[in-house]
PDB file of all heavy atoms in Angstrom:
ATOM      1  N   LEU A   1       0.824  -1.210   0.000  1.00  0.00           N
ATOM      2  CA  LEU A   1       0.000   0.000   0.000  1.00  0.00           C
ATOM      3  C   LEU A   1       0.860   1.263   0.000  1.00  0.00           C
ATOM      4  O   LEU A   1       0.474   2.279  -0.576  1.00  0.00           O
ATOM      5  CB  LEU A   1      -0.917   0.007   1.226  1.00  0.00           C
ATOM      6  CG  LEU A   1      -2.239  -0.749   1.113  1.00  0.00           C
ATOM      7  CD1 LEU A   1      -2.946  -0.782   2.462  1.00  0.00           C
ATOM      8  CD2 LEU A   1      -3.140  -0.108   0.063  1.00  0.00           C
ATOM      9  N   ALA A   2       2.013   1.197   0.652  1.00  0.00           N
ATOM     10  CA  ALA A   2       2.886   2.370   0.739  1.00  0.00           C
ATOM     11  C   ALA A   2       3.427   2.784  -0.622  1.00  0.00           C
ATOM     12  O   ALA A   2       3.893   3.917  -0.784  1.00  0.00           O
ATOM     13  CB  ALA A   2       4.034   2.103   1.711  1.00  0.00           C
ATOM     14  N   LEU A   3       3.371   1.901  -1.618  1.00  0.00           N
ATOM     15  CA  LEU A   3       3.811   2.244  -2.973  1.00  0.00           C
ATOM     16  C   LEU A   3       2.783   3.112  -3.698  1.00  0.00           C
ATOM     17  O   LEU A   3       3.106   3.754  -4.690  1.00  0.00           O
ATOM     18  CB  LEU A   3       4.047   0.976  -3.795  1.00  0.00           C
ATOM     19  CG  LEU A   3       5.162   0.028  -3.340  1.00  0.00           C
ATOM     20  CD1 LEU A   3       5.182  -1.204  -4.237  1.00  0.00           C
ATOM     21  CD2 LEU A   3       6.509   0.733  -3.366  1.00  0.00           C
ATOM     22  N   LYS A   4       1.545   3.118  -3.200  1.00  0.00           N
ATOM     23  CA  LYS A   4       0.467   3.830  -3.883  1.00  0.00           C
ATOM     24  C   LYS A   4       0.488   5.317  -3.537  1.00  0.00           C
ATOM     25  O   LYS A   4       1.065   5.739  -2.527  1.00  0.00           O
ATOM     26  CB  LYS A   4      -0.893   3.247  -3.462  1.00  0.00           C
ATOM     27  CG  LYS A   4      -1.011   1.736  -3.536  1.00  0.00           C
ATOM     28  CD  LYS A   4      -1.006   1.230  -4.956  1.00  0.00           C
ATOM     29  CE  LYS A   4      -1.232  -0.274  -4.992  1.00  0.00           C
ATOM     30  NZ  LYS A   4      -1.186  -0.815  -6.375  1.00  0.00           N
ATOM     31  N   SER A   5      -0.187   6.091  -4.374  1.00  0.00           N
ATOM     32  CA  SER A   5      -0.417   7.493  -4.034  1.00  0.00           C
ATOM     33  C   SER A   5      -1.420   7.549  -2.874  1.00  0.00           C
ATOM     34  O   SER A   5      -2.092   6.565  -2.568  1.00  0.00           O
ATOM     35  CB  SER A   5      -0.977   8.250  -5.241  1.00  0.00           C
ATOM     36  OG  SER A   5      -2.289   7.795  -5.541  1.00  0.00           O
ATOM     37  N   ASP A   6      -1.527   8.699  -2.230  1.00  0.00           N
ATOM     38  CA  ASP A   6      -2.467   8.829  -1.117  1.00  0.00           C
ATOM     39  C   ASP A   6      -3.896   8.529  -1.552  1.00  0.00           C
ATOM     40  O   ASP A   6      -4.654   7.885  -0.815  1.00  0.00           O
ATOM     41  CB  ASP A   6      -2.385  10.240  -0.525  1.00  0.00           C
ATOM     42  CG  ASP A   6      -1.126  10.447   0.299  1.00  0.00           C
ATOM     43  OD1 ASP A   6      -0.494   9.437   0.675  1.00  0.00           O
ATOM     44  OD2 ASP A   6      -0.771  11.617   0.561  1.00  0.00           O
ATOM     45  N   ASP A   7      -4.286   9.002  -2.734  1.00  0.00           N
ATOM     46  CA  ASP A   7      -5.647   8.774  -3.211  1.00  0.00           C
ATOM     47  C   ASP A   7      -5.902   7.291  -3.467  1.00  0.00           C
ATOM     48  O   ASP A   7      -6.956   6.758  -3.103  1.00  0.00           O
ATOM     49  CB  ASP A   7      -5.912   9.570  -4.496  1.00  0.00           C
ATOM     50  CG  ASP A   7      -6.026  11.065  -4.235  1.00  0.00           C
ATOM     51  OD1 ASP A   7      -6.226  11.441  -3.061  1.00  0.00           O
ATOM     52  OD2 ASP A   7      -5.906  11.843  -5.200  1.00  0.00           O
ATOM     53  N   GLU A   8      -4.934   6.613  -4.103  1.00  0.00           N
ATOM     54  CA  GLU A   8      -5.080   5.181  -4.367  1.00  0.00           C
ATOM     55  C   GLU A   8      -5.129   4.398  -3.064  1.00  0.00           C
ATOM     56  O   GLU A   8      -5.954   3.483  -2.897  1.00  0.00           O
ATOM     57  CB  GLU A   8      -3.920   4.681  -5.226  1.00  0.00           C
ATOM     58  CG  GLU A   8      -3.938   5.170  -6.654  1.00  0.00           C
ATOM     59  CD  GLU A   8      -2.693   4.706  -7.395  1.00  0.00           C
ATOM     60  OE1 GLU A   8      -1.581   4.891  -6.884  1.00  0.00           O
ATOM     61  OE2 GLU A   8      -2.849   4.147  -8.494  1.00  0.00           O
ATOM     62  N   ALA A   9      -4.235   4.753  -2.136  1.00  0.00           N
ATOM     63  CA  ALA A   9      -4.199   4.052  -0.854  1.00  0.00           C
ATOM     64  C   ALA A   9      -5.504   4.258  -0.085  1.00  0.00           C
ATOM     65  O   ALA A   9      -6.044   3.308   0.493  1.00  0.00           O
ATOM     66  CB  ALA A   9      -3.012   4.534  -0.025  1.00  0.00           C
ATOM     67  N   ALA A  10      -6.016   5.488  -0.086  1.00  0.00           N
ATOM     68  CA  ALA A  10      -7.259   5.772   0.637  1.00  0.00           C
ATOM     69  C   ALA A  10      -8.424   4.958   0.072  1.00  0.00           C
ATOM     70  O   ALA A  10      -9.249   4.428   0.824  1.00  0.00           O
ATOM     71  CB  ALA A  10      -7.575   7.265   0.573  1.00  0.00           C
ATOM     72  N   ALA A  11      -8.481   4.859  -1.259  1.00  0.00           N
ATOM     73  CA  ALA A  11      -9.551   4.081  -1.888  1.00  0.00           C
ATOM     74  C   ALA A  11      -9.442   2.601  -1.515  1.00  0.00           C
ATOM     75  O   ALA A  11     -10.450   1.937  -1.242  1.00  0.00           O
ATOM     76  CB  ALA A  11      -9.494   4.253  -3.405  1.00  0.00           C
ATOM     77  N   LEU A  12      -8.217   2.074  -1.486  1.00  0.00           N
ATOM     78  CA  LEU A  12      -8.025   0.665  -1.131  1.00  0.00           C
ATOM     79  C   LEU A  12      -8.320   0.420   0.350  1.00  0.00           C
ATOM     80  O   LEU A  12      -8.858  -0.631   0.710  1.00  0.00           O
ATOM     81  CB  LEU A  12      -6.598   0.235  -1.468  1.00  0.00           C
ATOM     82  CG  LEU A  12      -6.330  -0.013  -2.950  1.00  0.00           C
ATOM     83  CD1 LEU A  12      -4.835  -0.122  -3.224  1.00  0.00           C
ATOM     84  CD2 LEU A  12      -7.049  -1.281  -3.434  1.00  0.00           C
ATOM     85  N   VAL A  13      -7.988   1.386   1.197  1.00  0.00           N
ATOM     86  CA  VAL A  13      -8.294   1.242   2.624  1.00  0.00           C
ATOM     87  C   VAL A  13      -9.796   1.191   2.834  1.00  0.00           C
ATOM     88  O   VAL A  13     -10.306   0.372   3.613  1.00  0.00           O
ATOM     89  CB  VAL A  13      -7.664   2.397   3.434  1.00  0.00           C
ATOM     90  CG1 VAL A  13      -8.197   2.398   4.870  1.00  0.00           C
ATOM     91  CG2 VAL A  13      -6.155   2.273   3.439  1.00  0.00           C
ATOM     92  N   ARG A  14     -10.537   2.054   2.143  1.00  0.00           N
ATOM     93  CA  ARG A  14     -12.000   2.028   2.258  1.00  0.00           C
ATOM     94  C   ARG A  14     -12.558   0.691   1.781  1.00  0.00           C
ATOM     95  O   ARG A  14     -13.473   0.125   2.403  1.00  0.00           O
ATOM     96  CB  ARG A  14     -12.609   3.178   1.444  1.00  0.00           C
ATOM     97  CG  ARG A  14     -12.380   4.560   2.040  1.00  0.00           C
ATOM     98  CD  ARG A  14     -13.260   5.602   1.372  1.00  0.00           C
ATOM     99  NE  ARG A  14     -12.930   5.772  -0.039  1.00  0.00           N
ATOM    100  CZ  ARG A  14     -12.044   6.639  -0.503  1.00  0.00           C
ATOM    101  NH1 ARG A  14     -11.376   7.417   0.341  1.00  0.00           N
ATOM    102  NH2 ARG A  14     -11.820   6.759  -1.797  1.00  0.00           N
ATOM    103  N   ARG A  15     -11.994   0.169   0.704  1.00  0.00           N
ATOM    104  CA  ARG A  15     -12.457  -1.115   0.185  1.00  0.00           C
ATOM    105  C   ARG A  15     -12.111  -2.243   1.157  1.00  0.00           C
ATOM    106  O   ARG A  15     -12.931  -3.133   1.391  1.00  0.00           O
ATOM    107  CB  ARG A  15     -11.811  -1.372  -1.180  1.00  0.00           C
ATOM    108  CG  ARG A  15     -12.281  -2.657  -1.845  1.00  0.00           C
ATOM    109  CD  ARG A  15     -11.712  -2.775  -3.244  1.00  0.00           C
ATOM    110  NE  ARG A  15     -11.915  -4.103  -3.792  1.00  0.00           N
ATOM    111  CZ  ARG A  15     -11.406  -4.527  -4.944  1.00  0.00           C
ATOM    112  NH1 ARG A  15     -10.681  -3.694  -5.683  1.00  0.00           N
ATOM    113  NH2 ARG A  15     -11.623  -5.754  -5.369  1.00  0.00           N
ATOM    114  N   CYS A  16     -10.927  -2.193   1.728  1.00  0.00           N
ATOM    115  CA  CYS A  16     -10.542  -3.208   2.718  1.00  0.00           C
ATOM    116  C   CYS A  16     -11.500  -3.196   3.904  1.00  0.00           C
ATOM    117  O   CYS A  16     -11.953  -4.246   4.373  1.00  0.00           O
ATOM    118  CB  CYS A  16      -9.115  -2.961   3.207  1.00  0.00           C
ATOM    119  SG  CYS A  16      -7.824  -3.377   2.020  1.00  0.00           S
ATOM    120  N   ASN A  17     -11.797  -2.009   4.426  1.00  0.00           N
ATOM    121  CA  ASN A  17     -12.697  -1.899   5.566  1.00  0.00           C
ATOM    122  C   ASN A  17     -14.096  -2.408   5.235  1.00  0.00           C
ATOM    123  O   ASN A  17     -14.763  -3.013   6.076  1.00  0.00           O
ATOM    124  CB  ASN A  17     -12.772  -0.452   6.049  1.00  0.00           C
ATOM    125  CG  ASN A  17     -11.569  -0.054   6.876  1.00  0.00           C
ATOM    126  OD1 ASN A  17     -10.862  -0.907   7.411  1.00  0.00           O
ATOM    127  ND2 ASN A  17     -11.309   1.246   6.984  1.00  0.00           N
ATOM    128  N   ALA A  18     -14.535  -2.165   4.005  1.00  0.00           N
ATOM    129  CA  ALA A  18     -15.870  -2.609   3.601  1.00  0.00           C
ATOM    130  C   ALA A  18     -15.950  -4.132   3.509  1.00  0.00           C
ATOM    131  O   ALA A  18     -17.003  -4.726   3.780  1.00  0.00           O
ATOM    132  CB  ALA A  18     -16.254  -1.983   2.261  1.00  0.00           C
ATOM    133  N   GLU A  19     -14.832  -4.763   3.149  1.00  0.00           N
ATOM    134  CA  GLU A  19     -14.825  -6.204   2.944  1.00  0.00           C
ATOM    135  C   GLU A  19     -14.361  -6.998   4.165  1.00  0.00           C
ATOM    136  O   GLU A  19     -14.643  -8.192   4.269  1.00  0.00           O
ATOM    137  CB  GLU A  19     -13.922  -6.554   1.751  1.00  0.00           C
ATOM    138  CG  GLU A  19     -14.386  -5.961   0.424  1.00  0.00           C
ATOM    139  CD  GLU A  19     -13.427  -6.243  -0.716  1.00  0.00           C
ATOM    140  OE1 GLU A  19     -12.372  -6.870  -0.457  1.00  0.00           O
ATOM    141  OE2 GLU A  19     -13.725  -5.841  -1.858  1.00  0.00           O
ATOM    142  N   ALA A  20     -13.649  -6.338   5.092  1.00  0.00           N
ATOM    143  CA  ALA A  20     -13.036  -7.054   6.207  1.00  0.00           C
ATOM    144  C   ALA A  20     -13.982  -7.165   7.397  1.00  0.00           C
ATOM    145  O   ALA A  20     -14.898  -6.350   7.578  1.00  0.00           O
ATOM    146  CB  ALA A  20     -11.756  -6.354   6.638  1.00  0.00           C
ATOM    147  N   GLU A  21     -13.736  -8.172   8.218  1.00  0.00           N
ATOM    148  CA  GLU A  21     -14.479  -8.296   9.468  1.00  0.00           C
ATOM    149  C   GLU A  21     -14.038  -7.178  10.400  1.00  0.00           C
ATOM    150  O   GLU A  21     -12.941  -6.614  10.252  1.00  0.00           O
ATOM    151  CB  GLU A  21     -14.228  -9.658  10.098  1.00  0.00           C
ATOM    152  CG  GLU A  21     -12.775  -9.958  10.389  1.00  0.00           C
ATOM    153  CD  GLU A  21     -12.575 -11.369  10.858  1.00  0.00           C
ATOM    154  OE1 GLU A  21     -12.649 -12.290  10.023  1.00  0.00           O
ATOM    155  OE2 GLU A  21     -12.353 -11.536  12.072  1.00  0.00           O
ATOM    156  N   PRO A  22     -14.882  -6.807  11.391  1.00  0.00           N
ATOM    157  CA  PRO A  22     -14.583  -5.649  12.247  1.00  0.00           C
ATOM    158  C   PRO A  22     -13.196  -5.660  12.874  1.00  0.00           C
ATOM    159  O   PRO A  22     -12.548  -4.614  12.976  1.00  0.00           O
ATOM    160  CB  PRO A  22     -15.678  -5.733  13.319  1.00  0.00           C
ATOM    161  CG  PRO A  22     -16.824  -6.398  12.614  1.00  0.00           C
ATOM    162  CD  PRO A  22     -16.193  -7.396  11.684  1.00  0.00           C
ATOM    163  N   ALA A  23     -12.704  -6.836  13.284  1.00  0.00           N
ATOM    164  CA  ALA A  23     -11.395  -6.905  13.950  1.00  0.00           C
ATOM    165  C   ALA A  23     -10.254  -6.492  13.034  1.00  0.00           C
ATOM    166  O   ALA A  23      -9.170  -6.138  13.520  1.00  0.00           O
ATOM    167  CB  ALA A  23     -11.163  -8.315  14.485  1.00  0.00           C
ATOM    168  N   MET A  24     -10.472  -6.544  11.722  1.00  0.00           N
ATOM    169  CA  MET A  24      -9.410  -6.227  10.770  1.00  0.00           C
ATOM    170  C   MET A  24      -9.582  -4.840  10.145  1.00  0.00           C
ATOM    171  O   MET A  24      -8.797  -4.460   9.286  1.00  0.00           O
ATOM    172  CB  MET A  24      -9.359  -7.276   9.663  1.00  0.00           C
ATOM    173  CG  MET A  24      -8.931  -8.644  10.122  1.00  0.00           C
ATOM    174  SD  MET A  24      -8.775  -9.786   8.724  1.00  0.00           S
ATOM    175  CE  MET A  24      -8.286 -11.291   9.583  1.00  0.00           C
ATOM    176  N   GLN A  25     -10.591  -4.078  10.548  1.00  0.00           N
ATOM    177  CA  GLN A  25     -10.803  -2.747   9.998  1.00  0.00           C
ATOM    178  C   GLN A  25      -9.863  -1.740  10.662  1.00  0.00           C
ATOM    179  O   GLN A  25      -9.442  -1.923  11.799  1.00  0.00           O
ATOM    180  CB  GLN A  25     -12.261  -2.327  10.187  1.00  0.00           C
ATOM    181  CG  GLN A  25     -13.237  -3.174   9.391  1.00  0.00           C
ATOM    182  CD  GLN A  25     -14.682  -2.830   9.663  1.00  0.00           C
ATOM    183  OE1 GLN A  25     -14.989  -1.961  10.484  1.00  0.00           O
ATOM    184  NE2 GLN A  25     -15.589  -3.515   8.979  1.00  0.00           N
ATOM    185  N   VAL A  26      -9.515  -0.687   9.926  1.00  0.00           N
ATOM    186  CA  VAL A  26      -8.588   0.329  10.436  1.00  0.00           C
ATOM    187  C   VAL A  26      -9.218   1.710  10.326  1.00  0.00           C
ATOM    188  O   VAL A  26     -10.152   1.926   9.546  1.00  0.00           O
ATOM    189  CB  VAL A  26      -7.252   0.301   9.658  1.00  0.00           C
ATOM    190  CG1 VAL A  26      -6.554  -1.034   9.820  1.00  0.00           C
ATOM    191  CG2 VAL A  26      -7.477   0.612   8.170  1.00  0.00           C
ATOM    192  N   ALA A  27      -8.702   2.642  11.113  1.00  0.00           N
ATOM    193  CA  ALA A  27      -9.148   4.037  11.028  1.00  0.00           C
ATOM    194  C   ALA A  27      -8.449   4.685   9.839  1.00  0.00           C
ATOM    195  O   ALA A  27      -7.212   4.753   9.803  1.00  0.00           O
ATOM    196  CB  ALA A  27      -8.815   4.767  12.320  1.00  0.00           C
ATOM    197  N   GLY A  28      -9.230   5.148   8.862  1.00  0.00           N
ATOM    198  CA  GLY A  28      -8.687   5.627   7.592  1.00  0.00           C
ATOM    199  C   GLY A  28      -7.602   6.685   7.716  1.00  0.00           C
ATOM    200  O   GLY A  28      -6.478   6.502   7.227  1.00  0.00           O
ATOM    201  N   ALA A  29      -7.899   7.803   8.383  1.00  0.00           N
ATOM    202  CA  ALA A  29      -6.936   8.912   8.468  1.00  0.00           C
ATOM    203  C   ALA A  29      -5.676   8.489   9.216  1.00  0.00           C
ATOM    204  O   ALA A  29      -4.554   8.784   8.793  1.00  0.00           O
ATOM    205  CB  ALA A  29      -7.589  10.106   9.157  1.00  0.00           C
ATOM    206  N   ALA A  30      -5.845   7.789  10.322  1.00  0.00           N
ATOM    207  CA  ALA A  30      -4.691   7.353  11.107  1.00  0.00           C
ATOM    208  C   ALA A  30      -3.851   6.349  10.325  1.00  0.00           C
ATOM    209  O   ALA A  30      -2.612   6.360  10.417  1.00  0.00           O
ATOM    210  CB  ALA A  30      -5.162   6.728  12.426  1.00  0.00           C
ATOM    211  N   PHE A  31      -4.511   5.508   9.548  1.00  0.00           N
ATOM    212  CA  PHE A  31      -3.775   4.502   8.786  1.00  0.00           C
ATOM    213  C   PHE A  31      -2.953   5.154   7.682  1.00  0.00           C
ATOM    214  O   PHE A  31      -1.827   4.736   7.408  1.00  0.00           O
ATOM    215  CB  PHE A  31      -4.740   3.478   8.183  1.00  0.00           C
ATOM    216  CG  PHE A  31      -4.038   2.317   7.520  1.00  0.00           C
ATOM    217  CD1 PHE A  31      -3.568   1.261   8.276  1.00  0.00           C
ATOM    218  CD2 PHE A  31      -3.840   2.293   6.151  1.00  0.00           C
ATOM    219  CE1 PHE A  31      -2.908   0.192   7.678  1.00  0.00           C
ATOM    220  CE2 PHE A  31      -3.182   1.240   5.535  1.00  0.00           C
ATOM    221  CZ  PHE A  31      -2.717   0.183   6.313  1.00  0.00           C
ATOM    222  N   LEU A  32      -3.495   6.173   7.024  1.00  0.00           N
ATOM    223  CA  LEU A  32      -2.745   6.877   5.990  1.00  0.00           C
ATOM    224  C   LEU A  32      -1.519   7.572   6.584  1.00  0.00           C
ATOM    225  O   LEU A  32      -0.462   7.639   5.947  1.00  0.00           O
ATOM    226  CB  LEU A  32      -3.642   7.887   5.277  1.00  0.00           C
ATOM    227  CG  LEU A  32      -4.751   7.286   4.397  1.00  0.00           C
ATOM    228  CD1 LEU A  32      -5.616   8.388   3.797  1.00  0.00           C
ATOM    229  CD2 LEU A  32      -4.156   6.420   3.291  1.00  0.00           C
ATOM    230  N   THR A  33      -1.646   8.093   7.811  1.00  0.00           N
ATOM    231  CA  THR A  33      -0.495   8.665   8.496  1.00  0.00           C
ATOM    232  C   THR A  33       0.544   7.582   8.776  1.00  0.00           C
ATOM    233  O   THR A  33       1.761   7.805   8.647  1.00  0.00           O
ATOM    234  CB  THR A  33      -0.932   9.310   9.824  1.00  0.00           C
ATOM    235  OG1 THR A  33      -1.872  10.362   9.551  1.00  0.00           O
ATOM    236  CG2 THR A  33       0.267   9.899  10.562  1.00  0.00           C
ATOM    237  N   HIS A  34       0.056   6.394   9.141  1.00  0.00           N
ATOM    238  CA  HIS A  34       0.956   5.261   9.370  1.00  0.00           C
ATOM    239  C   HIS A  34       1.702   4.890   8.084  1.00  0.00           C
ATOM    240  O   HIS A  34       2.895   4.566   8.128  1.00  0.00           O
ATOM    241  CB  HIS A  34       0.150   4.065   9.878  1.00  0.00           C
ATOM    242  CG  HIS A  34       0.908   2.779   9.892  1.00  0.00           C
ATOM    243  ND1 HIS A  34       1.975   2.536  10.737  1.00  0.00           N
ATOM    244  CD2 HIS A  34       0.767   1.648   9.142  1.00  0.00           C
ATOM    245  CE1 HIS A  34       2.447   1.325  10.517  1.00  0.00           C
ATOM    246  NE2 HIS A  34       1.739   0.771   9.553  1.00  0.00           N
ATOM    247  N   LEU A  35       1.020   4.947   6.937  1.00  0.00           N
ATOM    248  CA  LEU A  35       1.676   4.630   5.665  1.00  0.00           C
ATOM    249  C   LEU A  35       2.813   5.607   5.365  1.00  0.00           C
ATOM    250  O   LEU A  35       3.820   5.226   4.759  1.00  0.00           O
ATOM    251  CB  LEU A  35       0.656   4.641   4.519  1.00  0.00           C
ATOM    252  CG  LEU A  35      -0.273   3.444   4.388  1.00  0.00           C
ATOM    253  CD1 LEU A  35      -1.134   3.573   3.134  1.00  0.00           C
ATOM    254  CD2 LEU A  35       0.504   2.125   4.357  1.00  0.00           C
ATOM    255  N   GLU A  36       2.650   6.846   5.778  1.00  0.00           N
ATOM    256  CA  GLU A  36       3.733   7.820   5.601  1.00  0.00           C
ATOM    257  C   GLU A  36       4.974   7.371   6.370  1.00  0.00           C
ATOM    258  O   GLU A  36       6.102   7.509   5.888  1.00  0.00           O
ATOM    259  CB  GLU A  36       3.281   9.202   6.079  1.00  0.00           C
ATOM    260  CG  GLU A  36       2.350   9.924   5.119  1.00  0.00           C
ATOM    261  CD  GLU A  36       3.045  10.259   3.803  1.00  0.00           C
ATOM    262  OE1 GLU A  36       4.281  10.460   3.796  1.00  0.00           O
ATOM    263  OE2 GLU A  36       2.355  10.291   2.775  1.00  0.00           O
TER     264      GLU A  36
END
């Protein structure tokens, strides 16, 4: 994910959260900061 642009990464994070069980979901803004 860190290879992606911020926009691409954000879109994939939203898709991951939509498809993942609650225990595997992440906070979008905080996760993008983590990718930095």
